[in-house]
Amino acid sequence: MDAPKPLPRHQMAFLRDGQIWQLFWEDGDEALLIDTMAALVADEACPLDRHDQTLVEQQLSPSSHQKS
């Protein structure tokens, strides 16, 4: 019996206020990532902002994916 094939993993990183924020997600988790970014941006203690959220959303948009 073959082991299940792992889903492709993606990553993105931001440097804010001297901290590196690394985001990791698998195909199918895009909605969760968008919701998580919205929660982080809404948190006044978090240095991520609307610009960072927009960059993530652009990265996830189908037109930004390059096919191999």
N, C-alpha and C. Protein backbone atom coordinates (compact mmCIF):
# COMPACT_ATOMS: atom_id res chain seq x y z
N MET A 1 0.85 -1.18 0.00
CA MET A 1 0.00 0.00 0.00
C MET A 1 0.90 1.24 0.00
N ASP A 2 0.61 2.15 -0.91
CA ASP A 2 1.39 3.39 -1.02
C ASP A 2 0.94 4.39 0.03
N ALA A 3 1.91 5.12 0.55
CA ALA A 3 1.60 6.20 1.50
C ALA A 3 0.93 7.34 0.75
N PRO A 4 0.02 8.07 1.41
CA PRO A 4 -0.61 9.21 0.73
C PRO A 4 0.44 10.25 0.34
N LYS A 5 0.23 10.82 -0.82
CA LYS A 5 1.14 11.86 -1.32
C LYS A 5 0.92 13.14 -0.51
N PRO A 6 2.00 13.73 0.05
CA PRO A 6 1.83 14.97 0.82
C PRO A 6 1.37 16.11 -0.09
N LEU A 7 0.58 17.00 0.48
CA LEU A 7 0.13 18.17 -0.25
C LEU A 7 1.28 19.15 -0.42
N PRO A 8 1.29 19.89 -1.55
CA PRO A 8 2.34 20.91 -1.71
C PRO A 8 2.29 21.92 -0.58
N ARG A 9 3.44 22.26 -0.06
CA ARG A 9 3.54 23.24 1.03
C ARG A 9 4.11 24.53 0.47
N HIS A 10 3.54 25.63 0.91
CA HIS A 10 3.96 26.96 0.45
C HIS A 10 4.43 27.74 1.66
N GLN A 11 5.21 28.77 1.40
CA GLN A 11 5.63 29.63 2.50
C GLN A 11 5.85 31.05 2.03
N MET A 12 5.77 31.95 3.00
CA MET A 12 5.99 33.38 2.76
C MET A 12 6.53 33.93 4.07
N ALA A 13 7.37 34.94 4.01
CA ALA A 13 7.94 35.51 5.23
C ALA A 13 7.90 37.04 5.16
N PHE A 14 7.74 37.64 6.34
CA PHE A 14 7.76 39.10 6.49
C PHE A 14 8.75 39.45 7.59
N LEU A 15 9.43 40.55 7.42
CA LEU A 15 10.28 41.09 8.48
C LEU A 15 9.61 42.36 8.97
N ARG A 16 9.16 42.34 10.23
CA ARG A 16 8.49 43.49 10.81
C ARG A 16 9.03 43.72 12.22
N ASP A 17 9.43 44.94 12.48
CA ASP A 17 9.91 45.32 13.82
C ASP A 17 10.99 44.36 14.33
N GLY A 18 11.87 43.95 13.44
CA GLY A 18 12.97 43.08 13.83
C GLY A 18 12.60 41.62 14.02
N GLN A 19 11.35 41.25 13.72
CA GLN A 19 10.92 39.86 13.84
C GLN A 19 10.58 39.30 12.47
N ILE A 20 10.90 38.04 12.28
CA ILE A 20 10.54 37.35 11.04
C ILE A 20 9.24 36.60 11.28
N TRP A 21 8.26 36.86 10.47
CA TRP A 21 6.98 36.16 10.51
C TRP A 21 6.94 35.21 9.32
N GLN A 22 6.91 33.94 9.58
CA GLN A 22 6.88 32.95 8.51
C GLN A 22 5.49 32.33 8.45
N LEU A 23 4.93 32.30 7.26
CA LEU A 23 3.62 31.70 7.04
C LEU A 23 3.82 30.44 6.21
N PHE A 24 3.24 29.35 6.65
CA PHE A 24 3.29 28.09 5.92
C PHE A 24 1.86 27.61 5.72
N TRP A 25 1.55 27.12 4.52
CA TRP A 25 0.22 26.57 4.28
C TRP A 25 0.31 25.52 3.18
N GLU A 26 -0.68 24.66 3.16
CA GLU A 26 -0.78 23.63 2.15
C GLU A 26 -1.94 23.96 1.22
N ASP A 27 -1.93 23.40 0.03
CA ASP A 27 -3.04 23.60 -0.89
C ASP A 27 -4.33 23.25 -0.17
N GLY A 28 -5.32 24.11 -0.31
CA GLY A 28 -6.60 23.91 0.33
C GLY A 28 -6.76 24.70 1.62
N ASP A 29 -5.67 25.23 2.16
CA ASP A 29 -5.72 25.98 3.42
C ASP A 29 -5.73 27.49 3.19
N GLU A 30 -5.96 27.92 1.98
CA GLU A 30 -5.87 29.34 1.66
C GLU A 30 -6.89 30.18 2.44
N ALA A 31 -8.13 29.70 2.56
CA ALA A 31 -9.15 30.46 3.29
C ALA A 31 -8.77 30.62 4.77
N LEU A 32 -8.21 29.57 5.35
CA LEU A 32 -7.76 29.64 6.74
C LEU A 32 -6.63 30.66 6.88
N LEU A 33 -5.71 30.68 5.91
CA LEU A 33 -4.61 31.64 5.96
C LEU A 33 -5.13 33.08 5.86
N ILE A 34 -6.09 33.31 4.99
CA ILE A 34 -6.66 34.66 4.84
C ILE A 34 -7.35 35.07 6.13
N ASP A 35 -8.11 34.16 6.74
CA ASP A 35 -8.78 34.47 8.00
C ASP A 35 -7.77 34.74 9.11
N THR A 36 -6.70 33.96 9.14
CA THR A 36 -5.65 34.15 10.15
C THR A 36 -4.96 35.50 9.97
N MET A 37 -4.66 35.85 8.73
CA MET A 37 -4.05 37.16 8.47
C MET A 37 -4.97 38.29 8.90
N ALA A 38 -6.26 38.17 8.63
CA ALA A 38 -7.22 39.21 9.03
C ALA A 38 -7.23 39.38 10.55
N ALA A 39 -7.17 38.26 11.27
CA ALA A 39 -7.15 38.33 12.74
C ALA A 39 -5.86 38.97 13.24
N LEU A 40 -4.74 38.63 12.62
CA LEU A 40 -3.46 39.22 13.03
C LEU A 40 -3.44 40.72 12.76
N VAL A 41 -3.92 41.12 11.61
CA VAL A 41 -3.94 42.55 11.24
C VAL A 41 -4.85 43.32 12.19
N ALA A 42 -5.94 42.72 12.63
CA ALA A 42 -6.87 43.38 13.54
C ALA A 42 -6.32 43.50 14.96
N ASP A 43 -5.31 42.73 15.29
CA ASP A 43 -4.71 42.75 16.63
C ASP A 43 -3.72 43.91 16.70
N GLU A 44 -4.00 44.89 17.55
CA GLU A 44 -3.14 46.07 17.65
C GLU A 44 -1.74 45.74 18.14
N ALA A 45 -1.57 44.61 18.82
CA ALA A 45 -0.25 44.21 19.30
C ALA A 45 0.60 43.54 18.22
N CYS A 46 -0.01 43.24 17.10
CA CYS A 46 0.69 42.56 16.00
C CYS A 46 1.21 43.60 15.00
N PRO A 47 2.48 43.49 14.60
CA PRO A 47 3.04 44.48 13.68
C PRO A 47 2.62 44.30 12.21
N LEU A 48 1.97 43.18 11.90
CA LEU A 48 1.51 43.00 10.52
C LEU A 48 0.36 43.97 10.25
N ASP A 49 0.30 44.45 9.01
CA ASP A 49 -0.71 45.44 8.68
C ASP A 49 -1.48 45.05 7.43
N ARG A 50 -2.37 45.92 7.02
CA ARG A 50 -3.23 45.66 5.85
C ARG A 50 -2.39 45.43 4.59
N HIS A 51 -1.28 46.10 4.47
CA HIS A 51 -0.40 45.90 3.32
C HIS A 51 0.10 44.45 3.28
N ASP A 52 0.48 43.91 4.42
CA ASP A 52 0.94 42.52 4.49
C ASP A 52 -0.20 41.57 4.10
N GLN A 53 -1.39 41.88 4.59
CA GLN A 53 -2.55 41.04 4.27
C GLN A 53 -2.81 41.05 2.76
N THR A 54 -2.71 42.22 2.15
CA THR A 54 -2.92 42.33 0.71
C THR A 54 -1.87 41.53 -0.05
N LEU A 55 -0.62 41.58 0.39
CA LEU A 55 0.44 40.80 -0.27
C LEU A 55 0.14 39.30 -0.21
N VAL A 56 -0.32 38.84 0.94
CA VAL A 56 -0.67 37.42 1.08
C VAL A 56 -1.82 37.07 0.13
N GLU A 57 -2.84 37.90 0.12
CA GLU A 57 -4.00 37.64 -0.75
C GLU A 57 -3.59 37.63 -2.22
N GLN A 58 -2.68 38.53 -2.61
CA GLN A 58 -2.19 38.53 -3.99
C GLN A 58 -1.41 37.26 -4.30
N GLN A 59 -0.61 36.81 -3.35
CA GLN A 59 0.16 35.58 -3.53
C GLN A 59 -0.77 34.39 -3.74
N LEU A 60 -1.92 34.42 -3.08
CA LEU A 60 -2.86 33.31 -3.16
C LEU A 60 -3.78 33.37 -4.37
N SER A 61 -3.84 34.51 -5.03
CA SER A 61 -4.76 34.64 -6.16
C SER A 61 -4.32 33.72 -7.31
N PRO A 62 -5.27 33.11 -7.99
CA PRO A 62 -4.94 32.15 -9.06
C PRO A 62 -4.04 32.74 -10.14
N SER A 63 -4.19 34.03 -10.45
CA SER A 63 -3.38 34.62 -11.52
C SER A 63 -1.91 34.76 -11.12
N SER A 64 -1.61 34.68 -9.81
CA SER A 64 -0.21 34.82 -9.39
C SER A 64 0.51 33.49 -9.35
N HIS A 65 -0.20 32.37 -9.46
CA HIS A 65 0.43 31.05 -9.42
C HIS A 65 1.03 30.74 -10.78
N GLN A 66 2.27 30.29 -10.77
CA GLN A 66 2.92 29.89 -12.00
C GLN A 66 2.86 28.38 -12.09
N LYS A 67 2.47 27.88 -13.25
CA LYS A 67 2.40 26.43 -13.43
C LYS A 67 3.75 25.94 -13.91
N SER A 68 4.16 24.76 -13.39
CA SER A 68 5.44 24.18 -13.82
C SER A 68 5.19 23.16 -14.88
